[in-house]
């Protein structure tokens, strides 16, 4: 049989103990021109073989046959379970495996991929997190994710943890905040156990997730230790996710080597959800809360509540509570009365990309057609950049949506924001113009 040939080949390339522990218990349950199906004793065993040995099996297979069949792993209850032994804590473990202890901060049960609403504003971040959770290196092994408060970075980070715990429960995983990392390091320094602390994160970690790294500003020693951890993990191909409420380039008090290393992989920003995504979020969360909202109410809420998703959750809770008190289905009066407590809604309702574009058109005496044209003349491009900057600052509209208002893509908007920020800092005339326009927008 082909599988017997593969096993003989593996026995010569692996140590006797490794072969006996991980390869000998495997058996072939289907073998034909298209498929080679291998049975494992249990789900964990299957996940471990897939991660550590599937590539080696496929490589050996391709050396034996020109058109190798696809290899698949399955769990068979008829397979004898490998011998187990107990560690010092009484926890059953497979022989030959290092003991480890994952560090997992408290998880929200609803922060899963299934409960995360995907839209234009978060699509890249969601895809990257999903890939890392599945040990798929399409987006690399290092992710730096930023967003404002309440836009979903903690949801996505915890979704990774939930998925890994479900699909690969023996993954050595550490999920904590930057402040927790710092506190544990200080505790280890005081107890003269820094070597154990470092080993836990360097040699006992397959997946590291650190939230709120912006809180490490000015903490030189913690940055140095975390930098050493990142250096080893990233170079070793381990998976790393770091989150921040502030873009790395804007965090003051960071060592430049640390800043460079933690942003050496994919950098993605979760933006405030655009109108269409807000509608989907409101519908989903209302249904999940057994709150029956008319479409009129859904769209009114989506129009009024921009930015922080927690505001949407809070509003829906308030609507449900008031409807319960009145013992009646929610109507527009109830919806409006709840939103009165949020403040600043009138400004949100008035300020949008189209209105800002019209104001800039009027102030600079340039037609909307010119602003949306392909013209690169300074007399047109400068007001256009100002408009993009102000829209980004005063609305929750996504980069792509702002770009569409001017027939540009999101990268043009990012560049415009960068240019105006630079000019505000360096040129008094630009700073004065922006201040005047801000006053007009806020009135």
Protein backbone atom coordinates (compact mmCIF):
# COMPACT_ATOMS: atom_id res chain seq x y z
CA UNK A 1 0.00 0.00 0.00
CA UNK A 2 1.06 3.58 -0.68
CA UNK A 3 0.58 4.56 2.96
CA UNK A 4 2.95 1.81 4.12
CA UNK A 5 5.59 3.19 1.75
CA UNK A 6 5.07 6.68 3.18
CA UNK A 7 5.37 5.41 6.75
CA UNK A 8 8.62 3.64 5.93
CA UNK A 9 9.94 6.85 4.42
CA UNK A 10 8.92 8.85 7.49
CA UNK A 11 10.53 6.37 9.85
CA UNK A 12 13.91 7.12 8.30
CA UNK A 13 13.50 10.90 8.59
CA UNK A 14 12.05 11.10 12.12
CA UNK A 15 13.45 9.98 15.45
CA UNK A 16 12.16 6.67 16.77
CA UNK A 17 10.28 8.31 19.65
CA UNK A 18 8.66 10.93 17.39
CA UNK A 19 7.71 8.35 14.78
CA UNK A 20 6.25 6.02 17.40
CA UNK A 21 4.28 8.80 19.07
CA UNK A 22 2.80 10.59 16.04
CA UNK A 23 3.05 8.44 12.90
CA UNK A 24 2.66 4.80 13.98
CA UNK A 25 -0.88 5.38 15.44
CA UNK A 26 -2.08 6.67 12.05
CA UNK A 27 -3.86 4.32 9.67
CA UNK A 28 -5.14 4.57 6.11
CA UNK A 29 -8.93 4.33 5.72
CA UNK A 30 -9.16 5.23 2.03
CA UNK A 31 -6.60 5.10 -0.75
CA UNK A 32 -7.23 5.69 -4.46
CA UNK A 33 -5.93 7.83 -7.32
CA UNK A 34 -7.51 10.99 -5.92
CA UNK A 35 -7.57 10.61 -2.15
CA UNK A 36 -5.38 9.32 0.65
CA UNK A 37 -7.44 9.53 3.85
CA UNK A 38 -5.58 9.04 7.13
CA UNK A 39 -7.32 8.29 10.44
CA UNK A 40 -6.16 9.79 13.76
CA UNK A 41 -7.15 8.68 17.28
CA UNK A 42 -8.81 11.96 18.31
CA UNK A 43 -9.41 15.60 17.33
CA UNK A 44 -6.36 16.97 19.11
CA UNK A 45 -4.11 14.31 17.58
CA UNK A 46 -5.53 15.19 14.16
CA UNK A 47 -4.87 18.92 14.65
CA UNK A 48 -1.32 18.27 15.84
CA UNK A 49 -0.46 16.00 12.88
CA UNK A 50 -1.99 18.49 10.46
CA UNK A 51 0.12 21.33 11.85
CA UNK A 52 3.41 19.46 12.30
CA UNK A 53 3.49 16.51 9.86
CA UNK A 54 1.00 16.96 7.01
CA UNK A 55 3.49 18.96 4.95
CA UNK A 56 6.14 16.27 5.46
CA UNK A 57 3.68 13.54 4.44
CA UNK A 58 2.73 15.42 1.27
CA UNK A 59 6.38 16.09 0.45
CA UNK A 60 7.28 12.41 0.74
CA UNK A 61 4.23 11.46 -1.27
CA UNK A 62 5.22 13.74 -4.16
CA UNK A 63 8.65 12.05 -4.28
CA UNK A 64 7.07 8.62 -4.65
CA UNK A 65 4.35 9.32 -7.21
CA UNK A 66 4.14 11.90 -10.02
CA UNK A 67 0.48 12.82 -9.48
CA UNK A 68 -0.04 12.32 -5.76
CA UNK A 69 -3.57 12.05 -4.35
CA UNK A 70 -4.87 14.70 -1.94
CA UNK A 71 -4.15 13.87 1.70
CA UNK A 72 -6.94 14.33 4.24
CA UNK A 73 -7.03 13.66 7.97
CA UNK A 74 -10.03 12.34 9.84
CA UNK A 75 -10.83 11.21 13.36
CA UNK A 76 -11.57 7.52 13.90
CA UNK A 77 -13.01 6.18 17.15
CA UNK A 78 -11.55 2.77 16.29
CA UNK A 79 -8.01 4.06 16.49
CA UNK A 80 -6.14 3.20 19.71
CA UNK A 81 -5.48 6.35 21.71
CA UNK A 82 -1.79 7.08 22.32
CA UNK A 83 -0.51 6.43 25.81
CA UNK A 84 -1.04 9.31 28.19
CA UNK A 85 0.70 10.32 31.36
CA UNK A 86 -0.07 12.87 34.05
CA UNK A 87 1.92 15.95 34.72
CA UNK A 88 2.47 17.39 38.19
CA UNK A 89 -0.95 19.00 38.24
CA UNK A 90 -2.79 15.81 37.37
CA UNK A 91 -3.53 17.09 33.83
CA UNK A 92 -3.45 14.31 31.24
CA UNK A 93 -0.94 14.91 28.46
CA UNK A 94 0.75 12.97 25.69
CA UNK A 95 4.21 11.63 26.48
CA UNK A 96 7.12 13.58 25.08
CA UNK A 97 5.19 16.85 24.94
CA UNK A 98 6.35 19.89 26.88
CA UNK A 99 4.01 21.08 29.60
CA UNK A 100 2.72 24.61 29.14
CA UNK A 101 0.17 27.00 30.49
CA UNK A 102 -1.65 29.38 28.20
CA UNK A 103 -2.49 32.86 29.44
CA UNK A 104 -6.03 33.82 28.44
CA UNK A 105 -7.70 36.94 29.77
CA UNK A 106 -11.48 36.88 30.20
CA UNK A 107 -13.42 36.39 26.96
CA UNK A 108 -16.79 37.76 25.91
CA UNK A 109 -18.88 34.76 24.77
CA UNK A 110 -20.38 36.71 21.85
CA UNK A 111 -17.03 37.95 20.50
CA UNK A 112 -16.75 35.32 17.79
CA UNK A 113 -16.31 35.51 14.02
CA UNK A 114 -19.94 34.44 13.53
CA UNK A 115 -21.14 37.46 15.51
CA UNK A 116 -18.85 39.96 13.73
CA UNK A 117 -20.59 41.96 11.02
CA UNK A 118 -18.29 42.42 8.02
CA UNK A 119 -18.34 45.63 5.99
CA UNK A 120 -16.11 47.79 3.90
CA UNK A 121 -14.67 49.40 7.03
CA UNK A 122 -13.36 46.18 8.63
CA UNK A 123 -13.05 43.63 5.83
CA UNK A 124 -9.24 43.47 5.73
CA UNK A 125 -8.89 43.24 9.52
CA UNK A 126 -11.47 40.44 9.71
CA UNK A 127 -9.83 38.47 6.88
CA UNK A 128 -6.37 38.80 8.42
CA UNK A 129 -7.57 37.68 11.88
CA UNK A 130 -9.44 34.75 10.42
CA UNK A 131 -6.32 33.65 8.53
CA UNK A 132 -4.10 33.89 11.60
CA UNK A 133 -6.60 31.91 13.66
CA UNK A 134 -6.46 29.15 11.04
CA UNK A 135 -2.62 29.26 10.89
CA UNK A 136 -2.96 30.46 7.29
CA UNK A 137 -0.02 32.71 6.45
CA UNK A 138 -1.69 34.48 3.49
CA UNK A 139 -1.41 37.77 5.39
CA UNK A 140 1.84 36.84 7.12
CA UNK A 141 2.29 35.87 10.75
CA UNK A 142 2.38 39.37 12.30
CA UNK A 143 -0.63 41.71 12.45
CA UNK A 144 -0.83 45.22 13.93
CA UNK A 145 -4.46 46.37 14.18
CA UNK A 146 -5.65 49.86 15.12
CA UNK A 147 -9.07 51.40 15.62
CA UNK A 148 -10.91 53.90 17.74
CA UNK A 149 -12.89 52.85 20.81
CA UNK A 150 -15.79 50.49 20.22
CA UNK A 151 -15.09 49.63 16.58
CA UNK A 152 -14.32 45.93 16.99
CA UNK A 153 -10.61 45.31 17.50
CA UNK A 154 -11.21 43.47 20.80
CA UNK A 155 -14.05 41.54 19.20
CA UNK A 156 -11.76 40.32 16.41
CA UNK A 157 -8.89 39.53 18.77
CA UNK A 158 -11.15 37.46 21.01
CA UNK A 159 -12.68 35.78 17.96
CA UNK A 160 -9.20 34.50 17.13
CA UNK A 161 -8.85 33.10 20.65
CA UNK A 162 -12.29 31.47 20.56
CA UNK A 163 -11.57 29.80 17.21
CA UNK A 164 -8.12 28.55 18.19
CA UNK A 165 -9.43 27.17 21.50
CA UNK A 166 -12.13 25.30 19.57
CA UNK A 167 -10.09 24.00 16.61
CA UNK A 168 -6.62 23.60 18.11
CA UNK A 169 -7.04 23.51 21.91
CA UNK A 170 -3.43 22.53 22.60
CA UNK A 171 -2.05 25.66 20.96
CA UNK A 172 0.27 27.46 23.36
CA UNK A 173 -1.47 30.82 23.37
CA UNK A 174 -1.01 33.99 25.42
CA UNK A 175 -3.74 36.64 25.21
CA UNK A 176 -3.38 39.66 27.49
CA UNK A 177 -3.27 43.44 27.51
CA UNK A 178 -0.01 45.36 27.36
CA UNK A 179 -0.65 46.53 30.93
CA UNK A 180 -1.02 42.92 32.10
CA UNK A 181 2.25 42.02 30.34
CA UNK A 182 3.95 44.92 32.10
CA UNK A 183 2.49 44.02 35.51
CA UNK A 184 3.56 40.38 35.17
CA UNK A 185 7.05 41.46 34.15
CA UNK A 186 7.39 43.72 37.20
CA UNK A 187 6.17 40.87 39.43
CA UNK A 188 8.78 38.54 37.88
CA UNK A 189 11.56 41.08 38.41
CA UNK A 190 10.65 41.38 42.10
CA UNK A 191 10.58 37.60 42.55
CA UNK A 192 13.81 37.06 40.59
CA UNK A 193 11.99 34.89 38.06
CA UNK A 194 12.56 36.84 34.84
CA UNK A 195 14.08 33.81 33.11
CA UNK A 196 10.87 31.84 33.60
CA UNK A 197 8.83 34.85 32.47
CA UNK A 198 10.85 35.21 29.25
CA UNK A 199 10.77 31.47 28.55
CA UNK A 200 7.00 31.39 28.90
CA UNK A 201 6.55 33.94 26.12
CA UNK A 202 9.50 32.95 23.94
CA UNK A 203 9.76 29.16 24.16
CA UNK A 204 6.23 28.40 25.35
CA UNK A 205 4.18 30.37 22.83
CA UNK A 206 2.70 29.55 19.42
CA UNK A 207 0.32 32.52 19.31
CA UNK A 208 0.71 35.85 21.12
CA UNK A 209 -2.05 38.44 21.30
CA UNK A 210 -1.35 41.75 23.06
CA UNK A 211 -4.00 44.47 23.22
CA UNK A 212 -3.62 48.23 23.81
CA UNK A 213 0.12 48.49 23.13
CA UNK A 214 -0.24 52.29 23.09
CA UNK A 215 -0.33 52.07 26.92
CA UNK A 216 3.37 51.10 26.87
CA UNK A 217 4.39 54.64 25.92
CA UNK A 218 7.33 55.62 28.11
CA UNK A 219 7.72 52.14 29.67
CA UNK A 220 11.21 51.49 28.36
CA UNK A 221 11.94 48.22 30.18
CA UNK A 222 8.62 46.65 29.18
CA UNK A 223 9.13 47.71 25.57
CA UNK A 224 12.59 46.15 25.59
CA UNK A 225 11.31 42.82 26.95
CA UNK A 226 8.33 42.68 24.59
CA UNK A 227 10.62 43.63 21.71
CA UNK A 228 12.83 40.62 22.50
CA UNK A 229 9.77 38.37 22.60
CA UNK A 230 8.50 39.69 19.26
CA UNK A 231 11.91 39.32 17.65
CA UNK A 232 12.06 35.63 18.52
CA UNK A 233 8.42 34.79 17.74
CA UNK A 234 8.24 36.60 14.40
CA UNK A 235 11.54 35.16 13.16
CA UNK A 236 10.42 31.70 14.29
CA UNK A 237 7.22 31.94 12.27
CA UNK A 238 4.96 32.12 15.33
CA UNK A 239 1.75 34.11 15.08
CA UNK A 240 1.46 37.58 16.65
CA UNK A 241 -1.47 40.02 16.87
CA UNK A 242 -1.10 43.44 18.50
CA UNK A 243 -3.78 46.10 18.84
CA UNK A 244 -3.73 49.81 19.59
CA UNK A 245 -6.17 52.70 19.76
CA UNK A 246 -3.47 54.93 18.26
CA UNK A 247 -1.52 54.34 15.03
CA UNK A 248 2.02 53.16 15.84
CA UNK A 249 3.59 56.18 14.16
CA UNK A 250 1.66 58.51 16.49
CA UNK A 251 2.46 56.79 19.80
CA UNK A 252 4.91 58.99 21.65
CA UNK A 253 7.54 57.52 23.97
CA UNK A 254 8.14 54.36 21.94
CA UNK A 255 11.57 52.91 21.23
CA UNK A 256 12.04 53.07 17.45
CA UNK A 257 13.29 49.49 17.22
CA UNK A 258 10.18 48.29 19.09
CA UNK A 259 7.92 50.44 16.90
CA UNK A 260 9.55 49.02 13.76
CA UNK A 261 9.37 45.40 14.87
CA UNK A 262 5.73 45.37 15.96
CA UNK A 263 4.71 46.96 12.63
CA UNK A 264 6.92 44.73 10.49
CA UNK A 265 3.94 42.71 9.27
CA UNK A 266 0.47 43.68 8.06
CA UNK A 267 -0.92 46.95 9.46
CA UNK A 268 -4.68 47.41 9.23
CA UNK A 269 -7.11 50.00 10.55
CA UNK A 270 -10.73 49.32 11.49
CA UNK A 271 -12.73 52.38 10.53
CA UNK A 272 -16.12 53.53 11.74
CA UNK A 273 -18.77 51.45 9.96
CA UNK A 274 -20.33 53.05 6.91
CA UNK A 275 -24.11 53.51 6.66
CA UNK A 276 -24.84 50.14 5.03
CA UNK A 277 -22.84 48.26 7.69
CA UNK A 278 -24.52 50.24 10.50
CA UNK A 279 -27.90 49.13 9.16
CA UNK A 280 -26.73 45.49 9.19
CA UNK A 281 -25.34 45.84 12.71
CA UNK A 282 -28.58 47.35 14.03
CA UNK A 283 -30.71 44.64 12.41
CA UNK A 284 -28.44 41.89 13.73
CA UNK A 285 -28.20 43.19 17.29
CA UNK A 286 -31.91 43.97 17.47
CA UNK A 287 -32.78 40.43 16.33
CA UNK A 288 -30.28 38.98 18.81
CA UNK A 289 -32.00 40.97 21.60
CA UNK A 290 -35.50 39.95 20.46
CA UNK A 291 -36.24 43.60 19.70
CA UNK A 292 -38.70 44.06 16.84
CA UNK A 293 -37.73 47.27 15.03
CA UNK A 294 -39.49 48.63 11.96
CA UNK A 295 -37.27 49.45 8.97
CA UNK A 296 -38.02 53.13 9.57
CA UNK A 297 -36.49 52.85 13.05
CA UNK A 298 -33.46 50.89 11.79
CA UNK A 299 -32.58 53.50 9.18
CA UNK A 300 -33.20 56.38 11.57
CA UNK A 301 -30.80 54.84 14.08
CA UNK A 302 -28.20 54.18 11.37
CA UNK A 303 -28.43 57.81 10.28
CA UNK A 304 -28.11 59.19 13.79
CA UNK A 305 -25.61 56.82 15.43
CA UNK A 306 -22.24 57.05 13.71
CA UNK A 307 -18.88 55.84 14.98
CA UNK A 308 -18.71 53.80 18.19
CA UNK A 309 -20.71 50.55 17.89
CA UNK A 310 -21.23 50.54 21.65
CA UNK A 311 -23.53 53.54 21.19
CA UNK A 312 -25.70 51.38 18.95
CA UNK A 313 -25.80 48.62 21.56
CA UNK A 314 -26.64 51.11 24.31
CA UNK A 315 -29.41 52.70 22.21
CA UNK A 316 -31.01 49.33 21.47
CA UNK A 317 -30.94 48.40 25.15
CA UNK A 318 -32.61 51.70 25.99
CA UNK A 319 -35.30 51.22 23.34
CA UNK A 320 -36.04 47.70 24.56
CA UNK A 321 -36.24 48.87 28.17
CA UNK A 322 -38.64 51.75 27.39
CA UNK A 323 -40.83 49.56 25.21
CA UNK A 324 -40.98 47.04 28.06
CA UNK A 325 -41.98 49.73 30.56
CA UNK A 326 -44.76 50.96 28.24
CA UNK A 327 -45.69 47.35 27.39
CA UNK A 328 -45.88 48.30 23.73
CA UNK A 329 -43.84 47.77 20.55
CA UNK A 330 -41.18 50.45 20.01
CA UNK A 331 -42.35 53.44 17.97
CA UNK A 332 -40.54 56.51 16.66
CA UNK A 333 -41.33 58.51 19.81
CA UNK A 334 -39.56 55.93 21.95
CA UNK A 335 -36.61 55.78 19.55
CA UNK A 336 -36.23 59.58 19.53
CA UNK A 337 -36.56 59.86 23.30
CA UNK A 338 -33.77 57.32 23.83
CA UNK A 339 -31.48 59.07 21.37
CA UNK A 340 -31.96 62.41 23.14
CA UNK A 341 -29.70 61.09 25.88
CA UNK A 342 -26.78 60.59 23.51
CA UNK A 343 -26.20 64.26 22.66
CA UNK A 344 -24.48 65.74 19.60
CA UNK A 345 -26.87 63.92 17.28
CA UNK A 346 -28.05 67.03 15.49
CA UNK A 347 -24.49 67.81 14.45
CA UNK A 348 -24.01 64.22 13.30
CA UNK A 349 -27.17 64.42 11.27
CA UNK A 350 -26.12 67.64 9.58
CA UNK A 351 -22.48 66.86 8.99
CA UNK A 352 -21.76 64.42 6.22
CA UNK A 353 -19.37 64.20 3.31
CA UNK A 354 -21.70 65.77 0.78
CA UNK A 355 -22.46 68.74 3.00
CA UNK A 356 -18.76 69.35 3.68
CA UNK A 357 -18.06 69.11 -0.03
CA UNK A 358 -20.74 71.72 -0.74
CA UNK A 359 -19.34 74.05 1.97
CA UNK A 360 -15.81 73.78 0.55
CA UNK A 361 -17.18 74.40 -2.94
CA UNK A 362 -18.86 77.57 -1.71
CA UNK A 363 -15.94 78.83 0.40
CA UNK A 364 -13.32 78.38 -2.32
CA UNK A 365 -15.72 79.27 -5.15
CA UNK A 366 -15.03 76.04 -7.00
CA UNK A 367 -17.79 73.93 -8.49
CA UNK A 368 -18.52 70.44 -7.22
CA UNK A 369 -17.79 69.26 -10.76
CA UNK A 370 -14.25 70.66 -10.46
CA UNK A 371 -13.74 69.07 -7.04
CA UNK A 372 -14.76 65.68 -8.41
CA UNK A 373 -12.83 66.06 -11.66
CA UNK A 374 -9.41 64.58 -12.45
CA UNK A 375 -7.81 68.05 -12.31
CA UNK A 376 -4.54 68.27 -10.34
CA UNK A 377 -4.26 72.04 -10.46
CA UNK A 378 -3.41 73.50 -7.07
CA UNK A 379 -6.49 75.72 -7.16
CA UNK A 380 -8.59 72.52 -7.26
CA UNK A 381 -6.45 69.91 -5.49
CA UNK A 382 -5.87 71.96 -2.31
CA UNK A 383 -9.59 72.57 -1.53
CA UNK A 384 -10.23 68.91 -2.39
CA UNK A 385 -7.63 67.83 0.15
CA UNK A 386 -9.10 70.18 2.75
CA UNK A 387 -12.54 68.70 2.13
CA UNK A 388 -11.24 65.15 2.49
CA UNK A 389 -9.41 66.08 5.70
CA UNK A 390 -12.49 67.69 7.29
CA UNK A 391 -14.79 64.84 6.23
CA UNK A 392 -12.44 62.33 7.79
CA UNK A 393 -12.23 64.40 10.98
CA UNK A 394 -15.91 65.24 11.49
CA UNK A 395 -17.83 62.24 10.11
CA UNK A 396 -17.73 58.51 10.57
CA UNK A 397 -17.55 57.92 6.83
CA UNK A 398 -14.96 55.41 5.63
CA UNK A 399 -11.92 56.30 3.54
CA UNK A 400 -13.41 54.53 0.54
CA UNK A 401 -16.73 56.39 0.88
CA UNK A 402 -14.96 59.75 1.13
CA UNK A 403 -12.89 58.85 -1.90
CA UNK A 404 -16.03 58.02 -3.88
CA UNK A 405 -17.36 61.54 -3.25
CA UNK A 406 -14.38 62.85 -5.26
CA UNK A 407 -13.96 59.95 -7.71
CA UNK A 408 -10.81 58.84 -5.91
CA UNK A 409 -9.74 55.74 -3.98
CA UNK A 410 -9.05 55.43 -0.25
CA UNK A 411 -5.27 55.89 -0.66
CA UNK A 412 -5.83 59.38 -2.09
CA UNK A 413 -7.87 60.29 0.99
CA UNK A 414 -5.13 58.99 3.28
CA UNK A 415 -2.57 61.06 1.42
CA UNK A 416 -4.78 64.17 1.60
CA UNK A 417 -5.19 63.81 5.38
CA UNK A 418 -1.44 63.38 5.75
CA UNK A 419 -0.68 66.48 3.62
CA UNK A 420 -3.15 68.73 5.46
CA UNK A 421 -1.92 67.54 8.87
CA UNK A 422 1.62 68.38 7.80
CA UNK A 423 0.63 71.79 6.42
CA UNK A 424 -1.33 72.65 9.57
CA UNK A 425 1.83 72.04 11.58
CA UNK A 426 4.14 73.94 9.24
CA UNK A 427 2.09 76.69 7.57
CA UNK A 428 0.18 79.38 9.45
CA UNK A 429 -2.01 80.21 6.44
CA UNK A 430 -3.26 76.65 6.12
CA UNK A 431 -3.81 76.35 9.87
CA UNK A 432 -5.86 79.57 9.88
CA UNK A 433 -7.98 78.43 6.92
CA UNK A 434 -8.72 75.10 8.57
CA UNK A 435 -9.69 76.78 11.86
CA UNK A 436 -12.12 79.08 10.04
CA UNK A 437 -13.68 76.15 8.22
CA UNK A 438 -13.94 74.15 11.46
CA UNK A 439 -15.88 77.01 13.06
CA UNK A 440 -18.30 77.06 10.13
CA UNK A 441 -18.85 73.32 10.33
CA UNK A 442 -19.49 73.38 14.08
CA UNK A 443 -22.11 76.12 13.94
